[in-house]
Amino acid sequence: MKYYVGIDLGGTNIKGMIMNETLQPVISKSAPTPQNKNPESVFSEIINLIESMAAESKTNMGDVLGIGLGVPGLIDSRMNLVLNAANLFWTDVDAGKWLEEYFNIPVYTENDGNINALGEMHFGAGRGCGNILLLTLGTGLGSGIIIDGNILHGASHVAAEAGHMIIETNGEKCSCGKRGCFESCCSAAALIRYARERIKDHPDSLLLAYASGNQDAITGEMISKAWDEEDAAAKQAVEIFAKKLSIGMVNLINLFNPEIIIISGGVSQLGERILGRAREQVENTLMHPIQHCRIVTGELGIDAGVMGACYLARSNT
């Protein structure tokens, strides 16, 4: 039996999985991302994670045909090169060499949004679709675009940075330094910011009660709970978020005409509270009904990235 290893590197956690040659999961584990985030520490932890999975599942690393690696940021997959990963504070890091030199196994590196899209296309909500757009709404806003079954890479292999298209002139400052990026308008932090702003008009909001009076302690889960209780501040925050999400999605639909848009990440846990309204606004804004596409939440949760990374390794070996 031959195997594939998938690694999904995040700013907080590293997720790993081993699949067999029929793409059935064998084992999955996770480990905290080292706090210092320097490449040597991070790849040392990834090596430990892979070896731990192999030992527990009795997988011989000599039978592993490839390692797929997802990293947040600008990735040149042709050279396994992380050009810029803001959340990791990495610039021009050769992500392949650490694992290739240690295991003597080919490594294939992609942007984390791309591997999430691959995962959902082959194992999740996008099964049967060849034109997929995935948005990960979490700490930031990641994206992956599949066109006719293939990852959209672009001329320099850094395409699909949808999080940094401008959707609001002079909007909130983004981590990239620009203002009004899709990410600065539709991340988990943005949703919480909208809630804090609406509390000014609704000082009796349940959100303050849930957060023990400390608006800095408000979470997405609290917003979801308050929304269900018909809280005005929570309702308005979700409405603002849904409107801006719909603007970004319409722009992407006009450009790429996907069959399906898959929403993943922490914010997706609000489900129809956000997507119901966003979907309605998208439908009302499209130029023609022929552009209609399904807008759904992902099915794989935190496993989308590692499953996509395993598929990436398999498709390249």
C-alpha atoms as a PDB file:
ATOM      1  CA  MET A   1       0.000   0.000   0.000  1.00  0.00           C
ATOM      2  CA  LYS A   2       1.209   3.482  -0.895  1.00  0.00           C
ATOM      3  CA  TYR A   3       0.359   6.676   0.967  1.00  0.00           C
ATOM      4  CA  TYR A   4       0.129  10.463   0.758  1.00  0.00           C
ATOM      5  CA  VAL A   5       0.683  13.016   3.507  1.00  0.00           C
ATOM      6  CA  GLY A   6      -1.219  16.279   3.709  1.00  0.00           C
ATOM      7  CA  ILE A   7      -0.242  19.248   5.891  1.00  0.00           C
ATOM      8  CA  ASP A   8      -2.310  22.394   6.404  1.00  0.00           C
ATOM      9  CA  LEU A   9      -0.192  25.064   8.111  1.00  0.00           C
ATOM     10  CA  GLY A  10      -2.048  27.811   9.937  1.00  0.00           C
ATOM     11  CA  GLY A  11      -0.993  30.666  12.159  1.00  0.00           C
ATOM     12  CA  THR A  12      -2.384  28.874  15.228  1.00  0.00           C
ATOM     13  CA  ASN A  13      -2.394  25.160  14.423  1.00  0.00           C
ATOM     14  CA  ILE A  14      -0.825  22.646  12.052  1.00  0.00           C
ATOM     15  CA  LYS A  15      -3.188  19.942  10.802  1.00  0.00           C
ATOM     16  CA  GLY A  16      -1.883  16.704   9.303  1.00  0.00           C
ATOM     17  CA  MET A  17      -3.386  13.673   7.593  1.00  0.00           C
ATOM     18  CA  ILE A  18      -2.216  10.469   5.936  1.00  0.00           C
ATOM     19  CA  MET A  19      -4.339   8.956   3.151  1.00  0.00           C
ATOM     20  CA  ASN A  20      -3.819   5.653   1.410  1.00  0.00           C
ATOM     21  CA  GLU A  21      -3.579   5.207  -2.351  1.00  0.00           C
ATOM     22  CA  THR A  22      -7.372   4.994  -2.667  1.00  0.00           C
ATOM     23  CA  LEU A  23      -7.629   8.358  -0.870  1.00  0.00           C
ATOM     24  CA  GLN A  24      -9.105   6.932   2.310  1.00  0.00           C
ATOM     25  CA  PRO A  25      -7.987   8.714   5.498  1.00  0.00           C
ATOM     26  CA  VAL A  26      -5.645   6.632   7.626  1.00  0.00           C
ATOM     27  CA  ILE A  27      -4.949   9.051  10.465  1.00  0.00           C
ATOM     28  CA  SER A  28      -5.166  12.754  11.240  1.00  0.00           C
ATOM     29  CA  LYS A  29      -3.581  14.806  14.001  1.00  0.00           C
ATOM     30  CA  SER A  30      -2.808  18.408  14.807  1.00  0.00           C
ATOM     31  CA  ALA A  31      -0.231  20.373  16.749  1.00  0.00           C
ATOM     32  CA  PRO A  32       0.121  24.011  17.800  1.00  0.00           C
ATOM     33  CA  THR A  33       2.095  26.244  15.462  1.00  0.00           C
ATOM     34  CA  PRO A  34       5.244  27.364  17.336  1.00  0.00           C
ATOM     35  CA  GLN A  35       4.726  30.809  18.799  1.00  0.00           C
ATOM     36  CA  ASN A  36       7.926  32.238  17.310  1.00  0.00           C
ATOM     37  CA  LYS A  37       6.770  31.053  13.859  1.00  0.00           C
ATOM     38  CA  ASN A  38      10.296  31.007  12.421  1.00  0.00           C
ATOM     39  CA  PRO A  39      10.638  28.459   9.582  1.00  0.00           C
ATOM     40  CA  GLU A  40      13.086  26.201  11.412  1.00  0.00           C
ATOM     41  CA  SER A  41      10.759  25.815  14.396  1.00  0.00           C
ATOM     42  CA  VAL A  42       7.651  25.386  12.244  1.00  0.00           C
ATOM     43  CA  PHE A  43       9.128  22.735   9.968  1.00  0.00           C
ATOM     44  CA  SER A  44      10.607  20.909  12.935  1.00  0.00           C
ATOM     45  CA  GLU A  45       7.076  20.704  14.356  1.00  0.00           C
ATOM     46  CA  ILE A  46       5.693  19.544  10.991  1.00  0.00           C
ATOM     47  CA  ILE A  47       8.337  16.785  10.842  1.00  0.00           C
ATOM     48  CA  ASN A  48       7.426  15.704  14.381  1.00  0.00           C
ATOM     49  CA  LEU A  49       3.740  15.646  13.429  1.00  0.00           C
ATOM     50  CA  ILE A  50       4.352  13.532  10.318  1.00  0.00           C
ATOM     51  CA  GLU A  51       6.535  11.076  12.221  1.00  0.00           C
ATOM     52  CA  SER A  52       3.960  10.838  15.000  1.00  0.00           C
ATOM     53  CA  MET A  53       1.170  10.075  12.507  1.00  0.00           C
ATOM     54  CA  ALA A  54       3.327   7.488  10.753  1.00  0.00           C
ATOM     55  CA  ALA A  55       4.251   5.777  14.008  1.00  0.00           C
ATOM     56  CA  GLU A  56       0.691   5.648  15.336  1.00  0.00           C
ATOM     57  CA  SER A  57      -0.733   4.346  12.050  1.00  0.00           C
ATOM     58  CA  LYS A  58       2.242   2.032  11.389  1.00  0.00           C
ATOM     59  CA  THR A  59       2.805   3.768   8.055  1.00  0.00           C
ATOM     60  CA  ASN A  60       6.243   3.185   6.551  1.00  0.00           C
ATOM     61  CA  MET A  61       7.512   6.557   5.309  1.00  0.00           C
ATOM     62  CA  GLY A  62       9.247   4.662   2.533  1.00  0.00           C
ATOM     63  CA  ASP A  63       5.775   3.940   1.145  1.00  0.00           C
ATOM     64  CA  VAL A  64       4.774   7.634   1.081  1.00  0.00           C
ATOM     65  CA  LEU A  65       4.776   8.915  -2.511  1.00  0.00           C
ATOM     66  CA  GLY A  66       4.348  12.613  -1.830  1.00  0.00           C
ATOM     67  CA  ILE A  67       3.667  15.341   0.725  1.00  0.00           C
ATOM     68  CA  GLY A  68       1.158  18.119   0.014  1.00  0.00           C
ATOM     69  CA  LEU A  69       1.599  21.330   1.975  1.00  0.00           C
ATOM     70  CA  GLY A  70      -0.816  24.243   2.305  1.00  0.00           C
ATOM     71  CA  VAL A  71       0.522  27.597   3.533  1.00  0.00           C
ATOM     72  CA  PRO A  72      -1.379  30.890   3.958  1.00  0.00           C
ATOM     73  CA  GLY A  73      -0.006  33.650   1.739  1.00  0.00           C
ATOM     74  CA  LEU A  74       1.511  34.231  -1.688  1.00  0.00           C
ATOM     75  CA  ILE A  75       2.920  30.900  -2.877  1.00  0.00           C
ATOM     76  CA  ASP A  76       4.832  30.123  -6.058  1.00  0.00           C
ATOM     77  CA  SER A  77       3.932  26.443  -6.286  1.00  0.00           C
ATOM     78  CA  ARG A  78       6.402  25.850  -9.114  1.00  0.00           C
ATOM     79  CA  MET A  79       9.293  26.307  -6.676  1.00  0.00           C
ATOM     80  CA  ASN A  80       7.621  25.520  -3.319  1.00  0.00           C
ATOM     81  CA  LEU A  81       8.392  29.142  -2.476  1.00  0.00           C
ATOM     82  CA  VAL A  82       6.457  31.130   0.125  1.00  0.00           C
ATOM     83  CA  LEU A  83       6.859  34.651  -1.223  1.00  0.00           C
ATOM     84  CA  ASN A  84       4.951  36.313   1.571  1.00  0.00           C
ATOM     85  CA  ALA A  85       2.985  34.891   4.505  1.00  0.00           C
ATOM     86  CA  ALA A  86       1.949  37.817   6.689  1.00  0.00           C
ATOM     87  CA  ASN A  87       0.466  35.734   9.511  1.00  0.00           C
ATOM     88  CA  LEU A  88       3.686  33.738   9.778  1.00  0.00           C
ATOM     89  CA  PHE A  89       6.004  36.721   9.158  1.00  0.00           C
ATOM     90  CA  TRP A  90       7.678  34.781   6.336  1.00  0.00           C
ATOM     91  CA  THR A  91       9.243  36.201   3.189  1.00  0.00           C
ATOM     92  CA  ASP A  92      10.874  34.103   0.441  1.00  0.00           C
ATOM     93  CA  VAL A  93      10.898  30.830   2.408  1.00  0.00           C
ATOM     94  CA  ASP A  94      11.695  27.624   0.508  1.00  0.00           C
ATOM     95  CA  ALA A  95       8.960  25.463   2.011  1.00  0.00           C
ATOM     96  CA  GLY A  96       9.909  22.338   0.109  1.00  0.00           C
ATOM     97  CA  LYS A  97      13.530  21.899   1.105  1.00  0.00           C
ATOM     98  CA  TRP A  98      12.945  21.273   4.814  1.00  0.00           C
ATOM     99  CA  LEU A  99      10.682  18.281   4.258  1.00  0.00           C
ATOM    100  CA  GLU A 100      12.300  16.993   1.059  1.00  0.00           C
ATOM    101  CA  GLU A 101      15.749  16.941   2.629  1.00  0.00           C
ATOM    102  CA  TYR A 102      14.517  15.224   5.784  1.00  0.00           C
ATOM    103  CA  PHE A 103      12.194  12.590   4.270  1.00  0.00           C
ATOM    104  CA  ASN A 104      13.600  12.381   0.719  1.00  0.00           C
ATOM    105  CA  ILE A 105      10.011  12.546  -0.535  1.00  0.00           C
ATOM    106  CA  PRO A 106       8.637  15.027  -3.134  1.00  0.00           C
ATOM    107  CA  VAL A 107       6.824  18.020  -1.606  1.00  0.00           C
ATOM    108  CA  TYR A 108       4.131  20.074  -3.335  1.00  0.00           C
ATOM    109  CA  THR A 109       3.244  23.455  -1.825  1.00  0.00           C
ATOM    110  CA  GLU A 110       0.096  25.478  -2.495  1.00  0.00           C
ATOM    111  CA  ASN A 111      -1.782  28.395  -1.003  1.00  0.00           C
ATOM    112  CA  ASP A 112      -4.072  27.166   1.773  1.00  0.00           C
ATOM    113  CA  GLY A 113      -7.175  28.475  -0.021  1.00  0.00           C
ATOM    114  CA  ASN A 114      -6.293  26.353  -3.039  1.00  0.00           C
ATOM    115  CA  ILE A 115      -5.921  23.153  -1.040  1.00  0.00           C
ATOM    116  CA  ASN A 116      -9.187  23.862   0.759  1.00  0.00           C
ATOM    117  CA  ALA A 117     -10.858  24.227  -2.644  1.00  0.00           C
ATOM    118  CA  LEU A 118      -9.298  20.948  -3.820  1.00  0.00           C
ATOM    119  CA  GLY A 119     -10.526  19.210  -0.691  1.00  0.00           C
ATOM    120  CA  GLU A 120     -14.104  20.404  -1.074  1.00  0.00           C
ATOM    121  CA  MET A 121     -14.079  19.643  -4.821  1.00  0.00           C
ATOM    122  CA  HIS A 122     -13.018  16.026  -4.446  1.00  0.00           C
ATOM    123  CA  PHE A 123     -14.422  15.077  -1.039  1.00  0.00           C
ATOM    124  CA  GLY A 124     -16.961  17.696   0.048  1.00  0.00           C
ATOM    125  CA  ALA A 125     -19.526  20.266  -1.050  1.00  0.00           C
ATOM    126  CA  GLY A 126     -18.000  20.703  -4.522  1.00  0.00           C
ATOM    127  CA  ARG A 127     -18.137  17.073  -5.638  1.00  0.00           C
ATOM    128  CA  GLY A 128     -19.159  16.867  -9.275  1.00  0.00           C
ATOM    129  CA  CYS A 129     -18.282  20.506  -9.977  1.00  0.00           C
ATOM    130  CA  GLY A 130     -15.375  21.672 -12.128  1.00  0.00           C
ATOM    131  CA  ASN A 131     -15.723  25.432 -11.586  1.00  0.00           C
ATOM    132  CA  ILE A 132     -15.528  26.258  -7.904  1.00  0.00           C
ATOM    133  CA  LEU A 133     -14.856  29.340  -5.865  1.00  0.00           C
ATOM    134  CA  LEU A 134     -14.021  28.849  -2.183  1.00  0.00           C
ATOM    135  CA  LEU A 135     -13.883  31.608   0.407  1.00  0.00           C
ATOM    136  CA  THR A 136     -12.449  30.961   3.850  1.00  0.00           C
ATOM    137  CA  LEU A 137     -13.810  33.533   6.289  1.00  0.00           C
ATOM    138  CA  GLY A 138     -11.655  33.374   9.390  1.00  0.00           C
ATOM    139  CA  THR A 139      -8.912  35.515  10.865  1.00  0.00           C
ATOM    140  CA  GLY A 140      -8.449  36.764   7.304  1.00  0.00           C
ATOM    141  CA  LEU A 141     -10.168  35.934   4.030  1.00  0.00           C
ATOM    142  CA  GLY A 142      -8.582  33.183   1.986  1.00  0.00           C
ATOM    143  CA  SER A 143      -9.736  31.993  -1.399  1.00  0.00           C
ATOM    144  CA  GLY A 144      -9.227  29.238  -3.914  1.00  0.00           C
ATOM    145  CA  ILE A 145     -10.475  29.179  -7.488  1.00  0.00           C
ATOM    146  CA  ILE A 146     -10.882  26.033  -9.590  1.00  0.00           C
ATOM    147  CA  ILE A 147     -11.455  26.522 -13.320  1.00  0.00           C
ATOM    148  CA  ASP A 148     -12.382  23.490 -15.441  1.00  0.00           C
ATOM    149  CA  GLY A 149     -11.051  21.214 -12.706  1.00  0.00           C
ATOM    150  CA  ASN A 150      -7.692  22.964 -12.311  1.00  0.00           C
ATOM    151  CA  ILE A 151      -6.374  25.425  -9.736  1.00  0.00           C
ATOM    152  CA  LEU A 152      -6.200  28.938 -11.143  1.00  0.00           C
ATOM    153  CA  HIS A 153      -2.549  29.944 -10.731  1.00  0.00           C
ATOM    154  CA  GLY A 154      -2.086  32.952 -13.024  1.00  0.00           C
ATOM    155  CA  ALA A 155       1.056  34.121 -14.793  1.00  0.00           C
ATOM    156  CA  SER A 156       3.184  34.275 -11.630  1.00  0.00           C
ATOM    157  CA  HIS A 157       1.369  31.467  -9.791  1.00  0.00           C
ATOM    158  CA  VAL A 158      -0.048  33.873  -7.198  1.00  0.00           C
ATOM    159  CA  ALA A 159      -3.628  34.237  -8.466  1.00  0.00           C
ATOM    160  CA  ALA A 160      -6.833  33.986  -6.418  1.00  0.00           C
ATOM    161  CA  GLU A 161      -5.970  36.567  -3.751  1.00  0.00           C
ATOM    162  CA  ALA A 162      -9.614  37.594  -3.654  1.00  0.00           C
ATOM    163  CA  GLY A 163      -9.224  38.823  -0.089  1.00  0.00           C
ATOM    164  CA  HIS A 164      -7.263  41.811  -1.341  1.00  0.00           C
ATOM    165  CA  MET A 165      -9.555  43.103  -4.045  1.00  0.00           C
ATOM    166  CA  ILE A 166     -10.990  46.482  -3.037  1.00  0.00           C
ATOM    167  CA  ILE A 167     -14.718  46.485  -2.374  1.00  0.00           C
ATOM    168  CA  GLU A 168     -15.019  49.628  -0.244  1.00  0.00           C
ATOM    169  CA  THR A 169     -13.265  52.885  -1.153  1.00  0.00           C
ATOM    170  CA  ASN A 170     -11.473  54.345   1.901  1.00  0.00           C
ATOM    171  CA  GLY A 171     -12.666  51.415   4.008  1.00  0.00           C
ATOM    172  CA  GLU A 172     -11.011  49.831   7.010  1.00  0.00           C
ATOM    173  CA  LYS A 173      -7.239  49.341   6.799  1.00  0.00           C
ATOM    174  CA  CYS A 174      -6.238  45.787   5.873  1.00  0.00           C
ATOM    175  CA  SER A 175      -3.235  43.807   7.130  1.00  0.00           C
ATOM    176  CA  CYS A 176      -1.749  44.230   3.645  1.00  0.00           C
ATOM    177  CA  GLY A 177      -1.669  48.017   4.155  1.00  0.00           C
ATOM    178  CA  LYS A 178      -4.460  48.910   1.726  1.00  0.00           C
ATOM    179  CA  ARG A 179      -7.930  50.094   2.666  1.00  0.00           C
ATOM    180  CA  GLY A 180     -11.269  48.515   1.885  1.00  0.00           C
ATOM    181  CA  CYS A 181     -10.012  45.038   0.983  1.00  0.00           C
ATOM    182  CA  PHE A 182     -12.558  42.220   0.873  1.00  0.00           C
ATOM    183  CA  GLU A 183     -10.649  40.715   3.830  1.00  0.00           C
ATOM    184  CA  SER A 184     -10.914  43.851   5.957  1.00  0.00           C
ATOM    185  CA  CYS A 185     -14.685  43.881   5.295  1.00  0.00           C
ATOM    186  CA  CYS A 186     -15.527  40.171   5.607  1.00  0.00           C
ATOM    187  CA  SER A 187     -13.299  38.474   8.176  1.00  0.00           C
ATOM    188  CA  ALA A 188     -14.170  37.315  11.682  1.00  0.00           C
ATOM    189  CA  ALA A 189     -12.573  40.500  13.006  1.00  0.00           C
ATOM    190  CA  ALA A 190     -14.775  42.579  10.693  1.00  0.00           C
ATOM    191  CA  LEU A 191     -17.958  40.909  11.944  1.00  0.00           C
ATOM    192  CA  ILE A 192     -16.989  41.614  15.547  1.00  0.00           C
ATOM    193  CA  ARG A 193     -16.109  45.204  14.624  1.00  0.00           C
ATOM    194  CA  TYR A 194     -19.557  45.717  13.126  1.00  0.00           C
ATOM    195  CA  ALA A 195     -21.144  44.349  16.300  1.00  0.00           C
ATOM    196  CA  ARG A 196     -19.154  46.718  18.505  1.00  0.00           C
ATOM    197  CA  GLU A 197     -20.143  49.649  16.313  1.00  0.00           C
ATOM    198  CA  ARG A 198     -23.854  48.766  16.485  1.00  0.00           C
ATOM    199  CA  ILE A 199     -23.745  48.465  20.281  1.00  0.00           C
ATOM    200  CA  LYS A 200     -23.270  52.244  20.434  1.00  0.00           C
ATOM    201  CA  ASP A 201     -26.882  52.575  19.270  1.00  0.00           C
ATOM    202  CA  HIS A 202     -28.086  49.604  21.330  1.00  0.00           C
ATOM    203  CA  PRO A 203     -26.466  49.811  24.791  1.00  0.00           C
ATOM    204  CA  ASP A 204     -28.958  47.227  26.080  1.00  0.00           C
ATOM    205  CA  SER A 205     -27.728  44.641  23.559  1.00  0.00           C
ATOM    206  CA  LEU A 206     -27.509  41.024  24.657  1.00  0.00           C
ATOM    207  CA  LEU A 207     -23.986  41.047  23.261  1.00  0.00           C
ATOM    208  CA  LEU A 208     -22.793  43.166  26.173  1.00  0.00           C
ATOM    209  CA  ALA A 209     -24.527  40.849  28.621  1.00  0.00           C
ATOM    210  CA  TYR A 210     -22.878  37.786  27.051  1.00  0.00           C
ATOM    211  CA  ALA A 211     -19.495  39.565  27.152  1.00  0.00           C
ATOM    212  CA  SER A 212     -19.938  40.660  30.786  1.00  0.00           C
ATOM    213  CA  GLY A 213     -19.985  44.280  29.707  1.00  0.00           C
ATOM    214  CA  ASN A 214     -16.645  44.072  27.871  1.00  0.00           C
ATOM    215  CA  GLN A 215     -17.220  44.672  24.157  1.00  0.00           C
ATOM    216  CA  ASP A 216     -13.667  43.517  23.446  1.00  0.00           C
ATOM    217  CA  ALA A 217     -14.725  40.051  24.597  1.00  0.00           C
ATOM    218  CA  ILE A 218     -17.474  39.679  21.979  1.00  0.00           C
ATOM    219  CA  THR A 219     -17.089  36.567  19.805  1.00  0.00           C
ATOM    220  CA  GLY A 220     -18.730  35.225  16.686  1.00  0.00           C
ATOM    221  CA  GLU A 221     -20.517  32.612  18.773  1.00  0.00           C
ATOM    222  CA  MET A 222     -22.039  35.393  20.890  1.00  0.00           C
ATOM    223  CA  ILE A 223     -23.217  37.211  17.769  1.00  0.00           C
ATOM    224  CA  SER A 224     -24.820  34.007  16.495  1.00  0.00           C
ATOM    225  CA  LYS A 225     -26.596  33.425  19.808  1.00  0.00           C
ATOM    226  CA  ALA A 226     -27.780  37.049  20.040  1.00  0.00           C
ATOM    227  CA  TRP A 227     -29.023  36.918  16.429  1.00  0.00           C
ATOM    228  CA  ASP A 228     -31.180  33.939  17.343  1.00  0.00           C
ATOM    229  CA  GLU A 229     -32.617  36.027  20.204  1.00  0.00           C
ATOM    230  CA  GLU A 230     -33.554  38.814  17.765  1.00  0.00           C
ATOM    231  CA  ASP A 231     -30.945  41.173  19.228  1.00  0.00           C
ATOM    232  CA  ALA A 232     -30.912  44.391  17.177  1.00  0.00           C
ATOM    233  CA  ALA A 233     -27.140  44.977  17.315  1.00  0.00           C
ATOM    234  CA  ALA A 234     -26.383  41.396  16.279  1.00  0.00           C
ATOM    235  CA  LYS A 235     -28.971  41.522  13.497  1.00  0.00           C
ATOM    236  CA  GLN A 236     -27.539  44.761  12.114  1.00  0.00           C
ATOM    237  CA  ALA A 237     -23.927  43.520  12.326  1.00  0.00           C
ATOM    238  CA  VAL A 238     -24.820  40.390  10.356  1.00  0.00           C
ATOM    239  CA  GLU A 239     -26.760  42.483   7.810  1.00  0.00           C
ATOM    240  CA  ILE A 240     -23.717  44.733   7.221  1.00  0.00           C
ATOM    241  CA  PHE A 241     -21.449  41.701   6.861  1.00  0.00           C
ATOM    242  CA  ALA A 242     -23.844  39.941   4.468  1.00  0.00           C
ATOM    243  CA  LYS A 243     -24.114  43.033   2.279  1.00  0.00           C
ATOM    244  CA  LYS A 244     -20.344  43.375   1.911  1.00  0.00           C
ATOM    245  CA  LEU A 245     -19.935  39.639   1.385  1.00  0.00           C
ATOM    246  CA  SER A 246     -22.499  39.790  -1.419  1.00  0.00           C
ATOM    247  CA  ILE A 247     -20.591  42.634  -3.126  1.00  0.00           C
ATOM    248  CA  GLY A 248     -17.407  40.580  -3.159  1.00  0.00           C
ATOM    249  CA  MET A 249     -19.178  37.452  -4.368  1.00  0.00           C
ATOM    250  CA  VAL A 250     -20.945  39.275  -7.209  1.00  0.00           C
ATOM    251  CA  ASN A 251     -17.597  40.650  -8.406  1.00  0.00           C
ATOM    252  CA  LEU A 252     -16.140  37.149  -8.381  1.00  0.00           C
ATOM    253  CA  ILE A 253     -19.183  35.643 -10.111  1.00  0.00           C
ATOM    254  CA  ASN A 254     -18.913  38.273 -12.853  1.00  0.00           C
ATOM    255  CA  LEU A 255     -15.253  37.371 -13.350  1.00  0.00           C
ATOM    256  CA  PHE A 256     -15.263  33.579 -13.051  1.00  0.00           C
ATOM    257  CA  ASN A 257     -18.849  32.320 -13.528  1.00  0.00           C
ATOM    258  CA  PRO A 258     -18.499  29.482 -10.969  1.00  0.00           C
ATOM    259  CA  GLU A 259     -20.990  26.658 -10.522  1.00  0.00           C
ATOM    260  CA  ILE A 260     -20.729  26.929  -6.755  1.00  0.00           C
ATOM    261  CA  ILE A 261     -19.301  29.220  -4.090  1.00  0.00           C
ATOM    262  CA  ILE A 262     -18.262  27.367  -0.944  1.00  0.00           C
ATOM    263  CA  ILE A 263     -17.966  29.316   2.301  1.00  0.00           C
ATOM    264  CA  SER A 264     -15.692  27.869   4.967  1.00  0.00           C
ATOM    265  CA  GLY A 265     -13.823  29.111   8.027  1.00  0.00           C
ATOM    266  CA  GLY A 266     -15.025  30.203  11.441  1.00  0.00           C
ATOM    267  CA  VAL A 267     -17.584  32.734  10.198  1.00  0.00           C
ATOM    268  CA  SER A 268     -19.294  30.012   8.145  1.00  0.00           C
ATOM    269  CA  GLN A 269     -20.580  28.591  11.430  1.00  0.00           C
ATOM    270  CA  LEU A 270     -23.199  31.354  11.398  1.00  0.00           C
ATOM    271  CA  GLY A 271     -24.597  29.523   8.377  1.00  0.00           C
ATOM    272  CA  GLU A 272     -27.871  30.801   6.973  1.00  0.00           C
ATOM    273  CA  ARG A 273     -27.902  33.754   9.351  1.00  0.00           C
ATOM    274  CA  ILE A 274     -25.376  35.324   6.990  1.00  0.00           C
ATOM    275  CA  LEU A 275     -25.669  33.247   3.828  1.00  0.00           C
ATOM    276  CA  GLY A 276     -29.434  33.536   3.514  1.00  0.00           C
ATOM    277  CA  ARG A 277     -29.266  37.313   3.264  1.00  0.00           C
ATOM    278  CA  ALA A 278     -26.048  37.339   1.197  1.00  0.00           C
ATOM    279  CA  ARG A 279     -27.516  34.839  -1.260  1.00  0.00           C
ATOM    280  CA  GLU A 280     -30.620  36.984  -1.702  1.00  0.00           C
ATOM    281  CA  GLN A 281     -28.549  40.098  -2.349  1.00  0.00           C
ATOM    282  CA  VAL A 282     -26.326  38.269  -4.845  1.00  0.00           C
ATOM    283  CA  GLU A 283     -29.346  37.036  -6.816  1.00  0.00           C
ATOM    284  CA  ASN A 284     -30.766  40.576  -6.926  1.00  0.00           C
ATOM    285  CA  THR A 285     -27.489  42.000  -8.246  1.00  0.00           C
ATOM    286  CA  LEU A 286     -26.488  39.532 -10.976  1.00  0.00           C
ATOM    287  CA  MET A 287     -26.693  40.776 -14.548  1.00  0.00           C
ATOM    288  CA  HIS A 288     -28.585  37.702 -15.775  1.00  0.00           C
ATOM    289  CA  PRO A 289     -30.105  34.550 -14.237  1.00  0.00           C
ATOM    290  CA  ILE A 290     -27.654  32.455 -16.263  1.00  0.00           C
ATOM    291  CA  GLN A 291     -24.964  33.550 -13.779  1.00  0.00           C
ATOM    292  CA  HIS A 292     -26.761  31.819 -10.918  1.00  0.00           C
ATOM    293  CA  CYS A 293     -24.535  29.629  -8.768  1.00  0.00           C
ATOM    294  CA  ARG A 294     -25.095  27.774  -5.537  1.00  0.00           C
ATOM    295  CA  ILE A 295     -23.725  29.423  -2.389  1.00  0.00           C
ATOM    296  CA  VAL A 296     -23.220  26.869   0.378  1.00  0.00           C
ATOM    297  CA  THR A 297     -21.135  26.178   3.448  1.00  0.00           C
ATOM    298  CA  GLY A 298     -18.309  23.662   3.180  1.00  0.00           C
ATOM    299  CA  GLU A 299     -18.845  20.071   4.279  1.00  0.00           C
ATOM    300  CA  LEU A 300     -15.355  19.166   5.471  1.00  0.00           C
ATOM    301  CA  GLY A 301     -14.665  21.795   8.133  1.00  0.00           C
ATOM    302  CA  ILE A 302     -11.065  21.797   9.343  1.00  0.00           C
ATOM    303  CA  ASP A 303     -10.304  18.662   7.291  1.00  0.00           C
ATOM    304  CA  ALA A 304     -10.757  20.393   3.914  1.00  0.00           C
ATOM    305  CA  GLY A 305      -7.168  21.628   3.777  1.00  0.00           C
ATOM    306  CA  VAL A 306      -5.409  18.390   4.718  1.00  0.00           C
ATOM    307  CA  MET A 307      -7.631  16.313   2.464  1.00  0.00           C
ATOM    308  CA  GLY A 308      -6.917  18.740  -0.377  1.00  0.00           C
ATOM    309  CA  ALA A 309      -3.198  18.579   0.410  1.00  0.00           C
ATOM    310  CA  CYS A 310      -3.271  14.786   0.186  1.00  0.00           C
ATOM    311  CA  TYR A 311      -5.054  15.019  -3.157  1.00  0.00           C
ATOM    312  CA  LEU A 312      -2.469  17.579  -4.326  1.00  0.00           C
ATOM    313  CA  ALA A 313       0.319  15.108  -3.542  1.00  0.00           C
ATOM    314  CA  ARG A 314      -1.510  12.282  -5.320  1.00  0.00           C
ATOM    315  CA  SER A 315      -2.237  14.358  -8.436  1.00  0.00           C
ATOM    316  CA  ASN A 316       1.446  15.237  -8.805  1.00  0.00           C
ATOM    317  CA  THR A 317       2.927  11.760  -8.339  1.00  0.00           C
END
